[in-house]
Amino acid sequence: MNWDRIEGNWTQAVGKVKERWVKLTDDDLDVIAGERDQLVGAIQARYGIAKEAAEEQVEEFVMAYDVESTDDGRPERKRAHRAGKS
């Protein structure tokens, strides 16, 4: 997965971002506005960590977001679910 999906669904992703990085403020999230570099910078500033560490955290978040957001959207699961209901 790439960042484009999160950026395109930023308003939905904000909740997960807030859960992961509780020190980010609503103003931070408004400034970030789906921009990955802005998120990395805000994490650096709020948590006092190196850019590389912030980038690693964001990459882990992206991978986890992909898993969480595709669980219910897989066609295989929908077909299996329908088959079970019939």
N, C-alpha and C. Protein backbone atom coordinates (compact mmCIF):
# COMPACT_ATOMS: atom_id res chain seq x y z
N MET A 1 0.85 -1.18 0.00
CA MET A 1 0.00 0.00 0.00
C MET A 1 0.88 1.23 0.00
N ASN A 2 0.35 2.27 -0.54
CA ASN A 2 1.11 3.51 -0.50
C ASN A 2 0.30 4.58 0.22
N TRP A 3 0.92 5.69 0.40
CA TRP A 3 0.32 6.78 1.15
C TRP A 3 -0.89 7.37 0.45
N ASP A 4 -1.01 7.23 -0.85
CA ASP A 4 -2.10 7.84 -1.59
C ASP A 4 -3.47 7.49 -1.03
N ARG A 5 -3.63 6.27 -0.59
CA ARG A 5 -4.93 5.85 -0.06
C ARG A 5 -5.27 6.61 1.23
N ILE A 6 -4.30 6.77 2.10
CA ILE A 6 -4.53 7.52 3.34
C ILE A 6 -4.79 8.98 3.01
N GLU A 7 -3.97 9.54 2.13
CA GLU A 7 -4.13 10.94 1.75
C GLU A 7 -5.52 11.19 1.17
N GLY A 8 -5.98 10.27 0.31
CA GLY A 8 -7.28 10.42 -0.32
C GLY A 8 -8.44 10.28 0.65
N ASN A 9 -8.22 9.58 1.75
CA ASN A 9 -9.26 9.37 2.77
C ASN A 9 -8.86 10.01 4.09
N TRP A 10 -8.21 11.16 4.00
CA TRP A 10 -7.63 11.78 5.18
C TRP A 10 -8.65 11.99 6.29
N THR A 11 -9.84 12.43 5.97
CA THR A 11 -10.82 12.70 7.03
C THR A 11 -11.17 11.43 7.80
N GLN A 12 -11.17 10.27 7.12
CA GLN A 12 -11.41 9.01 7.82
C GLN A 12 -10.16 8.54 8.56
N ALA A 13 -8.99 8.80 8.01
CA ALA A 13 -7.74 8.35 8.60
C ALA A 13 -7.36 9.13 9.85
N VAL A 14 -7.87 10.34 9.99
CA VAL A 14 -7.50 11.19 11.13
C VAL A 14 -7.75 10.49 12.46
N GLY A 15 -8.84 9.76 12.57
CA GLY A 15 -9.14 9.06 13.82
C GLY A 15 -8.05 8.07 14.18
N LYS A 16 -7.59 7.31 13.19
CA LYS A 16 -6.51 6.34 13.44
C LYS A 16 -5.20 7.04 13.75
N VAL A 17 -4.95 8.17 13.09
CA VAL A 17 -3.73 8.95 13.35
C VAL A 17 -3.77 9.45 14.79
N LYS A 18 -4.92 9.95 15.24
CA LYS A 18 -5.05 10.45 16.61
C LYS A 18 -4.84 9.34 17.63
N GLU A 19 -5.32 8.13 17.32
CA GLU A 19 -5.13 7.00 18.22
C GLU A 19 -3.64 6.64 18.34
N ARG A 20 -2.95 6.69 17.22
CA ARG A 20 -1.54 6.28 17.18
C ARG A 20 -0.62 7.33 17.79
N TRP A 21 -0.88 8.60 17.48
CA TRP A 21 -0.03 9.70 17.97
C TRP A 21 -0.89 10.69 18.74
N VAL A 22 -1.13 10.38 20.00
CA VAL A 22 -2.06 11.17 20.81
C VAL A 22 -1.57 12.58 21.10
N LYS A 23 -0.27 12.83 20.95
CA LYS A 23 0.26 14.18 21.20
C LYS A 23 -0.03 15.15 20.05
N LEU A 24 -0.45 14.64 18.89
CA LEU A 24 -0.78 15.53 17.78
C LEU A 24 -2.09 16.24 18.07
N THR A 25 -2.10 17.52 17.85
CA THR A 25 -3.30 18.32 18.11
C THR A 25 -4.18 18.38 16.86
N ASP A 26 -5.40 18.86 17.05
CA ASP A 26 -6.29 19.06 15.90
C ASP A 26 -5.68 20.06 14.92
N ASP A 27 -5.01 21.09 15.45
CA ASP A 27 -4.33 22.04 14.57
C ASP A 27 -3.23 21.36 13.77
N ASP A 28 -2.47 20.46 14.41
CA ASP A 28 -1.44 19.70 13.69
C ASP A 28 -2.08 18.93 12.54
N LEU A 29 -3.18 18.26 12.83
CA LEU A 29 -3.84 17.43 11.82
C LEU A 29 -4.39 18.27 10.68
N ASP A 30 -4.85 19.47 10.99
CA ASP A 30 -5.32 20.38 9.93
C ASP A 30 -4.17 20.80 9.02
N VAL A 31 -3.02 21.08 9.62
CA VAL A 31 -1.85 21.48 8.85
C VAL A 31 -1.33 20.30 8.02
N ILE A 32 -1.33 19.12 8.59
CA ILE A 32 -0.86 17.92 7.89
C ILE A 32 -1.69 17.67 6.65
N ALA A 33 -3.00 17.75 6.79
CA ALA A 33 -3.94 17.64 5.67
C ALA A 33 -3.61 16.51 4.70
N GLY A 34 -3.18 15.37 5.23
CA GLY A 34 -2.91 14.22 4.39
C GLY A 34 -1.52 14.17 3.78
N GLU A 35 -0.68 15.14 4.09
CA GLU A 35 0.69 15.17 3.54
C GLU A 35 1.63 14.37 4.44
N ARG A 36 2.19 13.34 3.88
CA ARG A 36 3.07 12.44 4.65
C ARG A 36 4.24 13.18 5.29
N ASP A 37 4.92 14.04 4.53
CA ASP A 37 6.06 14.78 5.07
C ASP A 37 5.65 15.66 6.24
N GLN A 38 4.47 16.23 6.16
CA GLN A 38 3.97 17.06 7.26
C GLN A 38 3.73 16.21 8.50
N LEU A 39 3.19 15.00 8.30
CA LEU A 39 2.96 14.09 9.43
C LEU A 39 4.29 13.72 10.08
N VAL A 40 5.27 13.37 9.27
CA VAL A 40 6.59 13.01 9.80
C VAL A 40 7.15 14.17 10.62
N GLY A 41 7.06 15.38 10.09
CA GLY A 41 7.57 16.55 10.80
C GLY A 41 6.85 16.81 12.10
N ALA A 42 5.53 16.65 12.10
CA ALA A 42 4.75 16.87 13.32
C ALA A 42 5.10 15.83 14.38
N ILE A 43 5.30 14.59 13.96
CA ILE A 43 5.68 13.53 14.91
C ILE A 43 7.05 13.84 15.50
N GLN A 44 7.97 14.26 14.65
CA GLN A 44 9.31 14.66 15.13
C GLN A 44 9.19 15.72 16.21
N ALA A 45 8.42 16.76 15.90
CA ALA A 45 8.31 17.89 16.81
C ALA A 45 7.63 17.52 18.12
N ARG A 46 6.51 16.82 18.05
CA ARG A 46 5.74 16.51 19.25
C ARG A 46 6.40 15.46 20.14
N TYR A 47 7.12 14.53 19.51
CA TYR A 47 7.71 13.43 20.27
C TYR A 47 9.21 13.56 20.47
N GLY A 48 9.82 14.57 19.85
CA GLY A 48 11.25 14.81 20.03
C GLY A 48 12.11 13.65 19.54
N ILE A 49 11.76 13.12 18.38
CA ILE A 49 12.52 12.00 17.83
C ILE A 49 13.14 12.39 16.50
N ALA A 50 14.07 11.58 16.04
CA ALA A 50 14.74 11.83 14.77
C ALA A 50 13.79 11.59 13.60
N LYS A 51 14.10 12.23 12.49
CA LYS A 51 13.28 12.09 11.29
C LYS A 51 13.15 10.63 10.87
N GLU A 52 14.24 9.90 10.92
CA GLU A 52 14.23 8.49 10.52
C GLU A 52 13.28 7.68 11.39
N ALA A 53 13.27 7.94 12.69
CA ALA A 53 12.37 7.23 13.60
C ALA A 53 10.91 7.58 13.29
N ALA A 54 10.65 8.84 13.02
CA ALA A 54 9.29 9.25 12.68
C ALA A 54 8.86 8.61 11.36
N GLU A 55 9.75 8.55 10.39
CA GLU A 55 9.43 7.92 9.11
C GLU A 55 9.12 6.44 9.29
N GLU A 56 9.87 5.77 10.16
CA GLU A 56 9.62 4.35 10.44
C GLU A 56 8.24 4.16 11.06
N GLN A 57 7.88 5.04 12.00
CA GLN A 57 6.57 4.95 12.62
C GLN A 57 5.46 5.15 11.59
N VAL A 58 5.65 6.11 10.70
CA VAL A 58 4.63 6.36 9.67
C VAL A 58 4.52 5.16 8.74
N GLU A 59 5.64 4.57 8.36
CA GLU A 59 5.62 3.39 7.49
C GLU A 59 4.88 2.24 8.16
N GLU A 60 5.13 2.02 9.45
CA GLU A 60 4.42 0.98 10.20
C GLU A 60 2.92 1.27 10.23
N PHE A 61 2.58 2.54 10.42
CA PHE A 61 1.18 2.95 10.42
C PHE A 61 0.52 2.66 9.07
N VAL A 62 1.21 2.98 7.99
CA VAL A 62 0.68 2.76 6.64
C VAL A 62 0.41 1.27 6.43
N MET A 63 1.33 0.42 6.83
CA MET A 63 1.14 -1.02 6.66
C MET A 63 -0.03 -1.53 7.50
N ALA A 64 -0.14 -1.07 8.73
CA ALA A 64 -1.24 -1.49 9.59
C ALA A 64 -2.57 -0.95 9.07
N TYR A 65 -2.58 0.27 8.58
CA TYR A 65 -3.80 0.88 8.04
C TYR A 65 -4.31 0.07 6.86
N ASP A 66 -3.40 -0.39 6.02
CA ASP A 66 -3.77 -1.19 4.86
C ASP A 66 -4.47 -2.47 5.31
N VAL A 67 -3.93 -3.15 6.30
CA VAL A 67 -4.51 -4.40 6.78
C VAL A 67 -5.89 -4.14 7.38
N GLU A 68 -6.02 -3.12 8.21
CA GLU A 68 -7.29 -2.81 8.86
C GLU A 68 -8.34 -2.38 7.85
N SER A 69 -7.95 -1.59 6.87
CA SER A 69 -8.95 -1.03 5.96
C SER A 69 -9.38 -2.00 4.87
N THR A 70 -8.62 -3.08 4.63
CA THR A 70 -9.01 -4.02 3.58
C THR A 70 -9.67 -5.27 4.12
N ASP A 71 -9.67 -5.49 5.40
CA ASP A 71 -10.25 -6.72 5.94
C ASP A 71 -11.67 -6.97 5.44
N ASP A 72 -12.54 -5.99 5.54
CA ASP A 72 -13.94 -6.18 5.16
C ASP A 72 -14.19 -5.92 3.69
N GLY A 73 -13.21 -5.40 2.98
CA GLY A 73 -13.42 -5.04 1.59
C GLY A 73 -12.98 -6.09 0.59
N ARG A 74 -12.53 -7.22 1.06
CA ARG A 74 -12.04 -8.24 0.14
C ARG A 74 -13.20 -8.98 -0.51
N PRO A 75 -13.20 -9.10 -1.82
CA PRO A 75 -14.28 -9.82 -2.51
C PRO A 75 -14.44 -11.25 -2.01
N GLU A 76 -13.32 -11.92 -1.67
CA GLU A 76 -13.40 -13.30 -1.20
C GLU A 76 -14.26 -13.40 0.06
N ARG A 77 -14.10 -12.47 0.94
CA ARG A 77 -14.88 -12.50 2.18
C ARG A 77 -16.35 -12.24 1.90
N LYS A 78 -16.63 -11.32 1.00
CA LYS A 78 -18.03 -11.02 0.69
C LYS A 78 -18.70 -12.24 0.07
N ARG A 79 -18.02 -12.92 -0.86
CA ARG A 79 -18.61 -14.11 -1.48
C ARG A 79 -18.82 -15.20 -0.44
N ALA A 80 -17.85 -15.40 0.42
CA ALA A 80 -17.97 -16.44 1.43
C ALA A 80 -19.12 -16.12 2.39
N HIS A 81 -19.24 -14.84 2.72
CA HIS A 81 -20.30 -14.42 3.63
C HIS A 81 -21.67 -14.67 3.00
N ARG A 82 -21.82 -14.30 1.75
CA ARG A 82 -23.09 -14.52 1.06
C ARG A 82 -23.40 -16.02 0.96
N ALA A 83 -22.39 -16.81 0.68
CA ALA A 83 -22.60 -18.24 0.55
C ALA A 83 -23.07 -18.84 1.88
N GLY A 84 -22.54 -18.33 2.96
CA GLY A 84 -22.92 -18.82 4.27
C GLY A 84 -24.34 -18.44 4.66
N LYS A 85 -24.86 -17.34 4.12
CA LYS A 85 -26.21 -16.89 4.45
C LYS A 85 -27.28 -17.64 3.67
N SER A 86 -26.92 -18.18 2.51
CA SER A 86 -27.92 -18.82 1.65
C SER A 86 -28.39 -20.12 2.18
